[in-house]
Amino acid sequence: MSLDQVRQFCRSLPDVAEDVKWGNDLVFTVGGRMFCVICLEPPHQVAFKCTSDSFATLVEQPGLIPAPYLARAMWVQERELGAALGHRQRDALIRTSYELVKAKLPKRRRAAVAARRRAPKR
């Protein structure tokens, strides 16, 4: 799996914004809150939020570690894109991260995200 494939998947999710932060990290957000971070420098580490139940299981797998600075918030990092996770599993984990972050948005932001999705496109 390539960086572009992960990027395309993240951008396919509703109401996602992307930005480069901290010099070389591609950050994907929903409602202003990040759900996936990809280092633009090879080997392209990928970090995402997960449930507390899956966190313990995931960090036991080779190639996956608690995400630096974010582990206390149940974030996991794949040390090298494609080394530990297949694309289907990674996509499912990123989608879960997106849903977890979206569910925790303040009520006003959740409503704004839902309204944009329902608004007719011009």
PDB file of N, CA and C in Angstrom:
ATOM      1  N   MET A   1       0.853  -1.177   0.000  1.00  0.00           N
ATOM      2  CA  MET A   1       0.000   0.000   0.000  1.00  0.00           C
ATOM      3  C   MET A   1       0.893   1.233   0.000  1.00  0.00           C
ATOM      4  N   SER A   2       0.479   2.221  -0.777  1.00  0.00           N
ATOM      5  CA  SER A   2       1.264   3.441  -0.883  1.00  0.00           C
ATOM      6  C   SER A   2       0.653   4.576  -0.069  1.00  0.00           C
ATOM      7  N   LEU A   3       1.435   5.607   0.107  1.00  0.00           N
ATOM      8  CA  LEU A   3       0.975   6.809   0.790  1.00  0.00           C
ATOM      9  C   LEU A   3      -0.254   7.386   0.085  1.00  0.00           C
ATOM     10  N   ASP A   4      -0.237   7.382  -1.243  1.00  0.00           N
ATOM     11  CA  ASP A   4      -1.374   7.915  -1.997  1.00  0.00           C
ATOM     12  C   ASP A   4      -2.651   7.109  -1.777  1.00  0.00           C
ATOM     13  N   GLN A   5      -2.535   5.811  -1.621  1.00  0.00           N
ATOM     14  CA  GLN A   5      -3.720   4.985  -1.368  1.00  0.00           C
ATOM     15  C   GLN A   5      -4.331   5.297  -0.012  1.00  0.00           C
ATOM     16  N   VAL A   6      -3.502   5.478   1.011  1.00  0.00           N
ATOM     17  CA  VAL A   6      -4.012   5.844   2.331  1.00  0.00           C
ATOM     18  C   VAL A   6      -4.649   7.224   2.257  1.00  0.00           C
ATOM     19  N   ARG A   7      -3.993   8.121   1.561  1.00  0.00           N
ATOM     20  CA  ARG A   7      -4.517   9.488   1.397  1.00  0.00           C
ATOM     21  C   ARG A   7      -5.873   9.468   0.697  1.00  0.00           C
ATOM     22  N   GLN A   8      -5.999   8.708  -0.362  1.00  0.00           N
ATOM     23  CA  GLN A   8      -7.276   8.615  -1.077  1.00  0.00           C
ATOM     24  C   GLN A   8      -8.367   8.044  -0.182  1.00  0.00           C
ATOM     25  N   PHE A   9      -8.032   7.026   0.603  1.00  0.00           N
ATOM     26  CA  PHE A   9      -9.034   6.448   1.491  1.00  0.00           C
ATOM     27  C   PHE A   9      -9.497   7.465   2.519  1.00  0.00           C
ATOM     28  N   CYS A  10      -8.558   8.153   3.166  1.00  0.00           N
ATOM     29  CA  CYS A  10      -8.928   9.151   4.177  1.00  0.00           C
ATOM     30  C   CYS A  10      -9.788  10.248   3.572  1.00  0.00           C
ATOM     31  N   ARG A  11      -9.431  10.706   2.382  1.00  0.00           N
ATOM     32  CA  ARG A  11     -10.193  11.774   1.734  1.00  0.00           C
ATOM     33  C   ARG A  11     -11.568  11.307   1.267  1.00  0.00           C
ATOM     34  N   SER A  12     -11.770  10.001   1.146  1.00  0.00           N
ATOM     35  CA  SER A  12     -13.070   9.493   0.714  1.00  0.00           C
ATOM     36  C   SER A  12     -14.109   9.525   1.836  1.00  0.00           C
ATOM     37  N   LEU A  13     -13.656   9.679   3.072  1.00  0.00           N
ATOM     38  CA  LEU A  13     -14.567   9.734   4.209  1.00  0.00           C
ATOM     39  C   LEU A  13     -15.243  11.111   4.244  1.00  0.00           C
ATOM     40  N   PRO A  14     -16.494  11.191   4.681  1.00  0.00           N
ATOM     41  CA  PRO A  14     -17.228  12.462   4.665  1.00  0.00           C
ATOM     42  C   PRO A  14     -16.600  13.545   5.545  1.00  0.00           C
ATOM     43  N   ASP A  15     -16.588  14.760   5.000  1.00  0.00           N
ATOM     44  CA  ASP A  15     -16.184  15.961   5.745  1.00  0.00           C
ATOM     45  C   ASP A  15     -14.765  15.913   6.288  1.00  0.00           C
ATOM     46  N   VAL A  16     -13.853  15.316   5.535  1.00  0.00           N
ATOM     47  CA  VAL A  16     -12.459  15.214   5.960  1.00  0.00           C
ATOM     48  C   VAL A  16     -11.653  16.367   5.364  1.00  0.00           C
ATOM     49  N   ALA A  17     -10.807  16.943   6.184  1.00  0.00           N
ATOM     50  CA  ALA A  17      -9.848  17.953   5.734  1.00  0.00           C
ATOM     51  C   ALA A  17      -8.452  17.377   5.911  1.00  0.00           C
ATOM     52  N   GLU A  18      -7.536  17.853   5.088  1.00  0.00           N
ATOM     53  CA  GLU A  18      -6.150  17.385   5.181  1.00  0.00           C
ATOM     54  C   GLU A  18      -5.235  18.591   5.233  1.00  0.00           C
ATOM     55  N   ASP A  19      -4.143  18.455   5.982  1.00  0.00           N
ATOM     56  CA  ASP A  19      -3.212  19.554   6.156  1.00  0.00           C
ATOM     57  C   ASP A  19      -1.851  18.974   6.518  1.00  0.00           C
ATOM     58  N   VAL A  20      -0.794  19.694   6.185  1.00  0.00           N
ATOM     59  CA  VAL A  20       0.545  19.297   6.601  1.00  0.00           C
ATOM     60  C   VAL A  20       0.869  20.075   7.870  1.00  0.00           C
ATOM     61  N   LYS A  21       1.232  19.352   8.920  1.00  0.00           N
ATOM     62  CA  LYS A  21       1.564  19.970  10.206  1.00  0.00           C
ATOM     63  C   LYS A  21       2.929  19.476  10.662  1.00  0.00           C
ATOM     64  N   TRP A  22       3.523  20.232  11.538  1.00  0.00           N
ATOM     65  CA  TRP A  22       4.798  19.867  12.159  1.00  0.00           C
ATOM     66  C   TRP A  22       5.895  19.600  11.129  1.00  0.00           C
ATOM     67  N   GLY A  23       5.795  20.219   9.986  1.00  0.00           N
ATOM     68  CA  GLY A  23       6.843  20.136   8.981  1.00  0.00           C
ATOM     69  C   GLY A  23       6.709  19.007   7.980  1.00  0.00           C
ATOM     70  N   ASN A  24       6.389  17.803   8.434  1.00  0.00           N
ATOM     71  CA  ASN A  24       6.357  16.691   7.486  1.00  0.00           C
ATOM     72  C   ASN A  24       5.301  15.636   7.810  1.00  0.00           C
ATOM     73  N   ASP A  25       4.241  16.028   8.508  1.00  0.00           N
ATOM     74  CA  ASP A  25       3.170  15.077   8.817  1.00  0.00           C
ATOM     75  C   ASP A  25       1.887  15.485   8.120  1.00  0.00           C
ATOM     76  N   LEU A  26       1.317  14.560   7.386  1.00  0.00           N
ATOM     77  CA  LEU A  26       0.034  14.768   6.727  1.00  0.00           C
ATOM     78  C   LEU A  26      -1.047  14.382   7.730  1.00  0.00           C
ATOM     79  N   VAL A  27      -1.892  15.351   8.089  1.00  0.00           N
ATOM     80  CA  VAL A  27      -2.891  15.158   9.139  1.00  0.00           C
ATOM     81  C   VAL A  27      -4.285  15.216   8.527  1.00  0.00           C
ATOM     82  N   PHE A  28      -5.105  14.222   8.833  1.00  0.00           N
ATOM     83  CA  PHE A  28      -6.491  14.176   8.372  1.00  0.00           C
ATOM     84  C   PHE A  28      -7.400  14.448   9.562  1.00  0.00           C
ATOM     85  N   THR A  29      -8.366  15.352   9.361  1.00  0.00           N
ATOM     86  CA  THR A  29      -9.255  15.746  10.440  1.00  0.00           C
ATOM     87  C   THR A  29     -10.715  15.657  10.005  1.00  0.00           C
ATOM     88  N   VAL A  30     -11.568  15.490  11.002  1.00  0.00           N
ATOM     89  CA  VAL A  30     -13.010  15.614  10.820  1.00  0.00           C
ATOM     90  C   VAL A  30     -13.483  16.564  11.912  1.00  0.00           C
ATOM     91  N   GLY A  31     -14.214  17.596  11.514  1.00  0.00           N
ATOM     92  CA  GLY A  31     -14.671  18.578  12.493  1.00  0.00           C
ATOM     93  C   GLY A  31     -13.537  19.268  13.226  1.00  0.00           C
ATOM     94  N   GLY A  32     -12.373  19.361  12.588  1.00  0.00           N
ATOM     95  CA  GLY A  32     -11.225  20.010  13.210  1.00  0.00           C
ATOM     96  C   GLY A  32     -10.406  19.136  14.132  1.00  0.00           C
ATOM     97  N   ARG A  33     -10.784  17.889  14.287  1.00  0.00           N
ATOM     98  CA  ARG A  33     -10.044  16.960  15.172  1.00  0.00           C
ATOM     99  C   ARG A  33      -9.374  15.876  14.322  1.00  0.00           C
ATOM    100  N   MET A  34      -8.133  15.591  14.634  1.00  0.00           N
ATOM    101  CA  MET A  34      -7.395  14.627  13.818  1.00  0.00           C
ATOM    102  C   MET A  34      -7.777  13.182  14.134  1.00  0.00           C
ATOM    103  N   PHE A  35      -7.773  12.376  13.065  1.00  0.00           N
ATOM    104  CA  PHE A  35      -8.055  10.947  13.213  1.00  0.00           C
ATOM    105  C   PHE A  35      -6.984  10.083  12.565  1.00  0.00           C
ATOM    106  N   CYS A  36      -6.120  10.671  11.751  1.00  0.00           N
ATOM    107  CA  CYS A  36      -5.040   9.912  11.113  1.00  0.00           C
ATOM    108  C   CYS A  36      -3.885  10.855  10.815  1.00  0.00           C
ATOM    109  N   VAL A  37      -2.661  10.381  11.081  1.00  0.00           N
ATOM    110  CA  VAL A  37      -1.451  11.153  10.817  1.00  0.00           C
ATOM    111  C   VAL A  37      -0.482  10.241  10.067  1.00  0.00           C
ATOM    112  N   ILE A  38       0.071  10.766   8.975  1.00  0.00           N
ATOM    113  CA  ILE A  38       1.026  10.005   8.170  1.00  0.00           C
ATOM    114  C   ILE A  38       2.288  10.841   8.010  1.00  0.00           C
ATOM    115  N   CYS A  39       3.426  10.260   8.347  1.00  0.00           N
ATOM    116  CA  CYS A  39       4.701  10.934   8.136  1.00  0.00           C
ATOM    117  C   CYS A  39       5.006  10.912   6.640  1.00  0.00           C
ATOM    118  N   LEU A  40       5.331  12.076   6.083  1.00  0.00           N
ATOM    119  CA  LEU A  40       5.603  12.165   4.653  1.00  0.00           C
ATOM    120  C   LEU A  40       6.978  11.632   4.270  1.00  0.00           C
ATOM    121  N   GLU A  41       7.853  11.471   5.252  1.00  0.00           N
ATOM    122  CA  GLU A  41       9.183  10.922   4.993  1.00  0.00           C
ATOM    123  C   GLU A  41       9.131   9.396   5.086  1.00  0.00           C
ATOM    124  N   PRO A  42       9.776   8.700   4.138  1.00  0.00           N
ATOM    125  CA  PRO A  42       9.819   7.241   4.243  1.00  0.00           C
ATOM    126  C   PRO A  42      10.433   6.834   5.564  1.00  0.00           C
ATOM    127  N   PRO A  43       9.991   5.791   6.180  1.00  0.00           N
ATOM    128  CA  PRO A  43       9.104   4.736   5.710  1.00  0.00           C
ATOM    129  C   PRO A  43       7.617   4.998   5.933  1.00  0.00           C
ATOM    130  N   HIS A  44       7.194   6.254   6.057  1.00  0.00           N
ATOM    131  CA  HIS A  44       5.781   6.639   6.172  1.00  0.00           C
ATOM    132  C   HIS A  44       5.066   5.947   7.332  1.00  0.00           C
ATOM    133  N   GLN A  45       5.374   6.352   8.545  1.00  0.00           N
ATOM    134  CA  GLN A  45       4.636   5.851   9.697  1.00  0.00           C
ATOM    135  C   GLN A  45       3.200   6.381   9.634  1.00  0.00           C
ATOM    136  N   VAL A  46       2.262   5.533  10.058  1.00  0.00           N
ATOM    137  CA  VAL A  46       0.837   5.897  10.060  1.00  0.00           C
ATOM    138  C   VAL A  46       0.311   5.725  11.480  1.00  0.00           C
ATOM    139  N   ALA A  47      -0.363   6.761  11.998  1.00  0.00           N
ATOM    140  CA  ALA A  47      -0.928   6.687  13.344  1.00  0.00           C
ATOM    141  C   ALA A  47      -2.428   6.956  13.279  1.00  0.00           C
ATOM    142  N   PHE A  48      -3.169   6.276  14.152  1.00  0.00           N
ATOM    143  CA  PHE A  48      -4.623   6.415  14.187  1.00  0.00           C
ATOM    144  C   PHE A  48      -5.131   6.048  15.569  1.00  0.00           C
ATOM    145  N   LYS A  49      -6.307   6.541  15.891  1.00  0.00           N
ATOM    146  CA  LYS A  49      -6.959   6.270  17.177  1.00  0.00           C
ATOM    147  C   LYS A  49      -7.655   4.907  17.102  1.00  0.00           C
ATOM    148  N   CYS A  50      -7.746   4.228  18.227  1.00  0.00           N
ATOM    149  CA  CYS A  50      -8.469   2.960  18.269  1.00  0.00           C
ATOM    150  C   CYS A  50      -9.189   2.833  19.608  1.00  0.00           C
ATOM    151  N   THR A  51      -9.971   1.803  19.742  1.00  0.00           N
ATOM    152  CA  THR A  51     -10.662   1.571  21.008  1.00  0.00           C
ATOM    153  C   THR A  51      -9.661   1.037  22.035  1.00  0.00           C
ATOM    154  N   SER A  52     -10.005   1.163  23.297  1.00  0.00           N
ATOM    155  CA  SER A  52      -9.096   0.661  24.334  1.00  0.00           C
ATOM    156  C   SER A  52      -8.940  -0.857  24.242  1.00  0.00           C
ATOM    157  N   ASP A  53      -9.993  -1.553  23.820  1.00  0.00           N
ATOM    158  CA  ASP A  53      -9.902  -3.012  23.669  1.00  0.00           C
ATOM    159  C   ASP A  53      -8.931  -3.393  22.558  1.00  0.00           C
ATOM    160  N   SER A  54      -9.011  -2.718  21.415  1.00  0.00           N
ATOM    161  CA  SER A  54      -8.130  -3.072  20.298  1.00  0.00           C
ATOM    162  C   SER A  54      -6.710  -2.535  20.498  1.00  0.00           C
ATOM    163  N   PHE A  55      -6.543  -1.486  21.291  1.00  0.00           N
ATOM    164  CA  PHE A  55      -5.217  -0.919  21.533  1.00  0.00           C
ATOM    165  C   PHE A  55      -4.259  -1.984  22.067  1.00  0.00           C
ATOM    166  N   ALA A  56      -4.678  -2.693  23.107  1.00  0.00           N
ATOM    167  CA  ALA A  56      -3.813  -3.709  23.725  1.00  0.00           C
ATOM    168  C   ALA A  56      -3.449  -4.810  22.733  1.00  0.00           C
ATOM    169  N   THR A  57      -4.391  -5.211  21.926  1.00  0.00           N
ATOM    170  CA  THR A  57      -4.141  -6.261  20.934  1.00  0.00           C
ATOM    171  C   THR A  57      -3.220  -5.767  19.830  1.00  0.00           C
ATOM    172  N   LEU A  58      -3.476  -4.560  19.347  1.00  0.00           N
ATOM    173  CA  LEU A  58      -2.693  -4.041  18.227  1.00  0.00           C
ATOM    174  C   LEU A  58      -1.230  -3.829  18.590  1.00  0.00           C
ATOM    175  N   VAL A  59      -0.960  -3.262  19.755  1.00  0.00           N
ATOM    176  CA  VAL A  59       0.439  -2.958  20.096  1.00  0.00           C
ATOM    177  C   VAL A  59       1.260  -4.210  20.382  1.00  0.00           C
ATOM    178  N   GLU A  60       0.613  -5.347  20.489  1.00  0.00           N
ATOM    179  CA  GLU A  60       1.344  -6.610  20.636  1.00  0.00           C
ATOM    180  C   GLU A  60       1.827  -7.146  19.301  1.00  0.00           C
ATOM    181  N   GLN A  61       1.267  -6.644  18.197  1.00  0.00           N
ATOM    182  CA  GLN A  61       1.656  -7.109  16.867  1.00  0.00           C
ATOM    183  C   GLN A  61       2.995  -6.496  16.466  1.00  0.00           C
ATOM    184  N   PRO A  62       3.851  -7.289  15.830  1.00  0.00           N
ATOM    185  CA  PRO A  62       5.125  -6.737  15.341  1.00  0.00           C
ATOM    186  C   PRO A  62       4.857  -5.608  14.343  1.00  0.00           C
ATOM    187  N   GLY A  63       5.623  -4.525  14.464  1.00  0.00           N
ATOM    188  CA  GLY A  63       5.487  -3.399  13.545  1.00  0.00           C
ATOM    189  C   GLY A  63       4.502  -2.343  13.998  1.00  0.00           C
ATOM    190  N   LEU A  64       3.771  -2.614  15.088  1.00  0.00           N
ATOM    191  CA  LEU A  64       2.829  -1.637  15.646  1.00  0.00           C
ATOM    192  C   LEU A  64       3.282  -1.260  17.044  1.00  0.00           C
ATOM    193  N   ILE A  65       3.229   0.033  17.336  1.00  0.00           N
ATOM    194  CA  ILE A  65       3.645   0.526  18.646  1.00  0.00           C
ATOM    195  C   ILE A  65       2.627   1.547  19.152  1.00  0.00           C
ATOM    196  N   PRO A  66       2.625   1.817  20.448  1.00  0.00           N
ATOM    197  CA  PRO A  66       1.826   2.946  20.933  1.00  0.00           C
ATOM    198  C   PRO A  66       2.362   4.221  20.268  1.00  0.00           C
ATOM    199  N   ALA A  67       1.488   5.022  19.726  1.00  0.00           N
ATOM    200  CA  ALA A  67       1.918   6.219  19.003  1.00  0.00           C
ATOM    201  C   ALA A  67       2.592   7.209  19.952  1.00  0.00           C
ATOM    202  N   PRO A  68       3.799   7.668  19.605  1.00  0.00           N
ATOM    203  CA  PRO A  68       4.468   8.654  20.450  1.00  0.00           C
ATOM    204  C   PRO A  68       3.586   9.885  20.661  1.00  0.00           C
ATOM    205  N   TYR A  69       3.540  10.361  21.873  1.00  0.00           N
ATOM    206  CA  TYR A  69       2.773  11.536  22.299  1.00  0.00           C
ATOM    207  C   TYR A  69       1.260  11.323  22.328  1.00  0.00           C
ATOM    208  N   LEU A  70       0.758  10.267  21.706  1.00  0.00           N
ATOM    209  CA  LEU A  70      -0.688  10.074  21.604  1.00  0.00           C
ATOM    210  C   LEU A  70      -1.171   8.759  22.198  1.00  0.00           C
ATOM    211  N   ALA A  71      -0.285   7.944  22.693  1.00  0.00           N
ATOM    212  CA  ALA A  71      -0.665   6.618  23.188  1.00  0.00           C
ATOM    213  C   ALA A  71      -1.665   6.697  24.336  1.00  0.00           C
ATOM    214  N   ARG A  72      -1.549   7.704  25.187  1.00  0.00           N
ATOM    215  CA  ARG A  72      -2.490   7.801  26.318  1.00  0.00           C
ATOM    216  C   ARG A  72      -3.913   8.052  25.848  1.00  0.00           C
ATOM    217  N   ALA A  73      -4.059   8.515  24.592  1.00  0.00           N
ATOM    218  CA  ALA A  73      -5.387   8.722  24.008  1.00  0.00           C
ATOM    219  C   ALA A  73      -5.775   7.550  23.101  1.00  0.00           C
ATOM    220  N   MET A  74      -5.081   6.408  23.273  1.00  0.00           N
ATOM    221  CA  MET A  74      -5.357   5.175  22.531  1.00  0.00           C
ATOM    222  C   MET A  74      -5.054   5.300  21.031  1.00  0.00           C
ATOM    223  N   TRP A  75      -3.904   5.869  20.714  1.00  0.00           N
ATOM    224  CA  TRP A  75      -3.438   5.939  19.335  1.00  0.00           C
ATOM    225  C   TRP A  75      -2.337   4.897  19.138  1.00  0.00           C
ATOM    226  N   VAL A  76      -2.350   4.271  17.958  1.00  0.00           N
ATOM    227  CA  VAL A  76      -1.379   3.253  17.576  1.00  0.00           C
ATOM    228  C   VAL A  76      -0.643   3.750  16.333  1.00  0.00           C
ATOM    229  N   GLN A  77       0.618   3.362  16.215  1.00  0.00           N
ATOM    230  CA  GLN A  77       1.407   3.739  15.042  1.00  0.00           C
ATOM    231  C   GLN A  77       1.950   2.503  14.343  1.00  0.00           C
ATOM    232  N   GLU A  78       1.757   2.443  13.050  1.00  0.00           N
ATOM    233  CA  GLU A  78       2.413   1.429  12.222  1.00  0.00           C
ATOM    234  C   GLU A  78       3.765   2.021  11.839  1.00  0.00           C
ATOM    235  N   ARG A  79       4.837   1.354  12.230  1.00  0.00           N
ATOM    236  CA  ARG A  79       6.186   1.902  12.049  1.00  0.00           C
ATOM    237  C   ARG A  79       6.572   2.096  10.593  1.00  0.00           C
ATOM    238  N   GLU A  80       6.057   1.257   9.718  1.00  0.00           N
ATOM    239  CA  GLU A  80       6.357   1.369   8.288  1.00  0.00           C
ATOM    240  C   GLU A  80       5.110   1.007   7.511  1.00  0.00           C
ATOM    241  N   LEU A  81       4.658   1.916   6.675  1.00  0.00           N
ATOM    242  CA  LEU A  81       3.442   1.714   5.902  1.00  0.00           C
ATOM    243  C   LEU A  81       3.494   0.390   5.136  1.00  0.00           C
ATOM    244  N   GLY A  82       2.531  -0.459   5.399  1.00  0.00           N
ATOM    245  CA  GLY A  82       2.418  -1.730   4.700  1.00  0.00           C
ATOM    246  C   GLY A  82       3.192  -2.879   5.312  1.00  0.00           C
ATOM    247  N   ALA A  83       3.981  -2.627   6.343  1.00  0.00           N
ATOM    248  CA  ALA A  83       4.806  -3.688   6.926  1.00  0.00           C
ATOM    249  C   ALA A  83       4.040  -4.565   7.905  1.00  0.00           C
ATOM    250  N   ALA A  84       3.069  -3.991   8.616  1.00  0.00           N
ATOM    251  CA  ALA A  84       2.369  -4.751   9.654  1.00  0.00           C
ATOM    252  C   ALA A  84       0.896  -4.979   9.345  1.00  0.00           C
ATOM    253  N   LEU A  85       0.299  -4.099   8.563  1.00  0.00           N
ATOM    254  CA  LEU A  85      -1.140  -4.184   8.287  1.00  0.00           C
ATOM    255  C   LEU A  85      -1.400  -4.277   6.787  1.00  0.00           C
ATOM    256  N   GLY A  86      -2.354  -5.108   6.424  1.00  0.00           N
ATOM    257  CA  GLY A  86      -2.811  -5.140   5.046  1.00  0.00           C
ATOM    258  C   GLY A  86      -3.714  -3.941   4.794  1.00  0.00           C
ATOM    259  N   HIS A  87      -3.963  -3.633   3.530  1.00  0.00           N
ATOM    260  CA  HIS A  87      -4.740  -2.420   3.243  1.00  0.00           C
ATOM    261  C   HIS A  87      -6.168  -2.499   3.763  1.00  0.00           C
ATOM    262  N   ARG A  88      -6.785  -3.662   3.733  1.00  0.00           N
ATOM    263  CA  ARG A  88      -8.161  -3.777   4.242  1.00  0.00           C
ATOM    264  C   ARG A  88      -8.214  -3.559   5.752  1.00  0.00           C
ATOM    265  N   GLN A  89      -7.271  -4.155   6.463  1.00  0.00           N
ATOM    266  CA  GLN A  89      -7.239  -3.981   7.910  1.00  0.00           C
ATOM    267  C   GLN A  89      -6.933  -2.530   8.276  1.00  0.00           C
ATOM    268  N   ARG A  90      -5.971  -1.924   7.568  1.00  0.00           N
ATOM    269  CA  ARG A  90      -5.625  -0.525   7.846  1.00  0.00           C
ATOM    270  C   ARG A  90      -6.812   0.390   7.556  1.00  0.00           C
ATOM    271  N   ASP A  91      -7.484   0.170   6.423  1.00  0.00           N
ATOM    272  CA  ASP A  91      -8.659   0.981   6.090  1.00  0.00           C
ATOM    273  C   ASP A  91      -9.734   0.851   7.163  1.00  0.00           C
ATOM    274  N   ALA A  92      -9.960  -0.359   7.641  1.00  0.00           N
ATOM    275  CA  ALA A  92     -10.969  -0.570   8.686  1.00  0.00           C
ATOM    276  C   ALA A  92     -10.563   0.143   9.977  1.00  0.00           C
ATOM    277  N   LEU A  93      -9.290   0.093  10.326  1.00  0.00           N
ATOM    278  CA  LEU A  93      -8.817   0.767  11.540  1.00  0.00           C
ATOM    279  C   LEU A  93      -8.896   2.287  11.404  1.00  0.00           C
ATOM    280  N   ILE A  94      -8.580   2.806  10.230  1.00  0.00           N
ATOM    281  CA  ILE A  94      -8.673   4.248  10.008  1.00  0.00           C
ATOM    282  C   ILE A  94     -10.141   4.684  10.036  1.00  0.00           C
ATOM    283  N   ARG A  95     -11.024   3.881   9.457  1.00  0.00           N
ATOM    284  CA  ARG A  95     -12.456   4.212   9.501  1.00  0.00           C
ATOM    285  C   ARG A  95     -12.954   4.221  10.954  1.00  0.00           C
ATOM    286  N   THR A  96     -12.510   3.261  11.747  1.00  0.00           N
ATOM    287  CA  THR A  96     -12.873   3.230  13.167  1.00  0.00           C
ATOM    288  C   THR A  96     -12.363   4.484  13.863  1.00  0.00           C
ATOM    289  N   SER A  97     -11.133   4.882  13.565  1.00  0.00           N
ATOM    290  CA  SER A  97     -10.568   6.096  14.148  1.00  0.00           C
ATOM    291  C   SER A  97     -11.424   7.301  13.780  1.00  0.00           C
ATOM    292  N   TYR A  98     -11.789   7.405  12.531  1.00  0.00           N
ATOM    293  CA  TYR A  98     -12.655   8.491  12.050  1.00  0.00           C
ATOM    294  C   TYR A  98     -13.972   8.515  12.834  1.00  0.00           C
ATOM    295  N   GLU A  99     -14.595   7.352  12.973  1.00  0.00           N
ATOM    296  CA  GLU A  99     -15.883   7.276  13.680  1.00  0.00           C
ATOM    297  C   GLU A  99     -15.733   7.623  15.163  1.00  0.00           C
ATOM    298  N   LEU A 100     -14.646   7.164  15.793  1.00  0.00           N
ATOM    299  CA  LEU A 100     -14.408   7.474  17.203  1.00  0.00           C
ATOM    300  C   LEU A 100     -14.243   8.984  17.409  1.00  0.00           C
ATOM    301  N   VAL A 101     -13.470   9.603  16.548  1.00  0.00           N
ATOM    302  CA  VAL A 101     -13.226  11.045  16.667  1.00  0.00           C
ATOM    303  C   VAL A 101     -14.506  11.824  16.365  1.00  0.00           C
ATOM    304  N   LYS A 102     -15.211  11.432  15.325  1.00  0.00           N
ATOM    305  CA  LYS A 102     -16.450  12.127  14.959  1.00  0.00           C
ATOM    306  C   LYS A 102     -17.480  12.031  16.080  1.00  0.00           C
ATOM    307  N   ALA A 103     -17.569  10.880  16.728  1.00  0.00           N
ATOM    308  CA  ALA A 103     -18.536  10.686  17.814  1.00  0.00           C
ATOM    309  C   ALA A 103     -18.226  11.562  19.029  1.00  0.00           C
ATOM    310  N   LYS A 104     -16.967  11.940  19.206  1.00  0.00           N
ATOM    311  CA  LYS A 104     -16.569  12.755  20.356  1.00  0.00           C
ATOM    312  C   LYS A 104     -16.584  14.255  20.056  1.00  0.00           C
ATOM    313  N   LEU A 105     -16.957  14.651  18.846  1.00  0.00           N
ATOM    314  CA  LEU A 105     -17.030  16.074  18.539  1.00  0.00           C
ATOM    315  C   LEU A 105     -18.099  16.734  19.402  1.00  0.00           C
ATOM    316  N   PRO A 106     -17.895  17.985  19.741  1.00  0.00           N
ATOM    317  CA  PRO A 106     -18.952  18.701  20.460  1.00  0.00           C
ATOM    318  C   PRO A 106     -20.243  18.689  19.637  1.00  0.00           C
ATOM    319  N   LYS A 107     -21.348  18.747  20.305  1.00  0.00           N
ATOM    320  CA  LYS A 107     -22.665  18.639  19.657  1.00  0.00           C
ATOM    321  C   LYS A 107     -22.798  19.617  18.482  1.00  0.00           C
ATOM    322  N   ARG A 108     -22.350  20.828  18.664  1.00  0.00           N
ATOM    323  CA  ARG A 108     -22.463  21.843  17.611  1.00  0.00           C
ATOM    324  C   ARG A 108     -21.669  21.436  16.369  1.00  0.00           C
ATOM    325  N   ARG A 109     -20.457  20.925  16.560  1.00  0.00           N
ATOM    326  CA  ARG A 109     -19.642  20.496  15.411  1.00  0.00           C
ATOM    327  C   ARG A 109     -20.241  19.282  14.730  1.00  0.00           C
ATOM    328  N   ARG A 110     -20.756  18.333  15.524  1.00  0.00           N
ATOM    329  CA  ARG A 110     -21.404  17.156  14.920  1.00  0.00           C
ATOM    330  C   ARG A 110     -22.582  17.587  14.064  1.00  0.00           C
ATOM    331  N   ALA A 111     -23.360  18.539  14.560  1.00  0.00           N
ATOM    332  CA  ALA A 111     -24.513  19.040  13.812  1.00  0.00           C
ATOM    333  C   ALA A 111     -24.071  19.727  12.528  1.00  0.00           C
ATOM    334  N   ALA A 112     -22.993  20.495  12.581  1.00  0.00           N
ATOM    335  CA  ALA A 112     -22.492  21.179  11.388  1.00  0.00           C
ATOM    336  C   ALA A 112     -22.004  20.177  10.346  1.00  0.00           C
ATOM    337  N   VAL A 113     -21.316  19.131  10.788  1.00  0.00           N
ATOM    338  CA  VAL A 113     -20.846  18.089   9.875  1.00  0.00           C
ATOM    339  C   VAL A 113     -22.036  17.395   9.219  1.00  0.00           C
ATOM    340  N   ALA A 114     -23.045  17.059  10.007  1.00  0.00           N
ATOM    341  CA  ALA A 114     -24.244  16.397   9.474  1.00  0.00           C
ATOM    342  C   ALA A 114     -24.992  17.308   8.504  1.00  0.00           C
ATOM    343  N   ALA A 115     -25.080  18.599   8.805  1.00  0.00           N
ATOM    344  CA  ALA A 115     -25.778  19.549   7.926  1.00  0.00           C
ATOM    345  C   ALA A 115     -25.075  19.679   6.600  1.00  0.00           C
ATOM    346  N   ARG A 116     -23.746  19.714   6.592  1.00  0.00           N
ATOM    347  CA  ARG A 116     -23.004  19.798   5.317  1.00  0.00           C
ATOM    348  C   ARG A 116     -23.260  18.569   4.479  1.00  0.00           C
ATOM    349  N   ARG A 117     -23.374  17.430   5.108  1.00  0.00           N
ATOM    350  CA  ARG A 117     -23.596  16.195   4.372  1.00  0.00           C
ATOM    351  C   ARG A 117     -24.996  16.169   3.748  1.00  0.00           C
ATOM    352  N   ARG A 118     -25.979  16.751   4.437  1.00  0.00           N
ATOM    353  CA  ARG A 118     -27.351  16.747   3.929  1.00  0.00           C
ATOM    354  C   ARG A 118     -27.613  17.848   2.916  1.00  0.00           C
ATOM    355  N   ALA A 119     -26.795  18.889   2.911  1.00  0.00           N
ATOM    356  CA  ALA A 119     -27.033  20.034   2.014  1.00  0.00           C
ATOM    357  C   ALA A 119     -26.869  19.601   0.563  1.00  0.00           C
ATOM    358  N   PRO A 120     -27.784  20.074  -0.315  1.00  0.00           N
ATOM    359  CA  PRO A 120     -27.658  19.722  -1.731  1.00  0.00           C
ATOM    360  C   PRO A 120     -26.407  20.350  -2.331  1.00  0.00           C
ATOM    361  N   LYS A 121     -25.752  19.603  -3.214  1.00  0.00           N
ATOM    362  CA  LYS A 121     -24.545  20.107  -3.854  1.00  0.00           C
ATOM    363  C   LYS A 121     -24.921  20.952  -5.054  1.00  0.00           C
ATOM    364  N   ARG A 122     -24.167  22.010  -5.258  1.00  0.00           N
ATOM    365  CA  ARG A 122     -24.438  22.913  -6.380  1.00  0.00           C
ATOM    366  C   ARG A 122     -23.459  22.711  -7.491  1.00  0.00           C
TER     367      ARG A 122
END
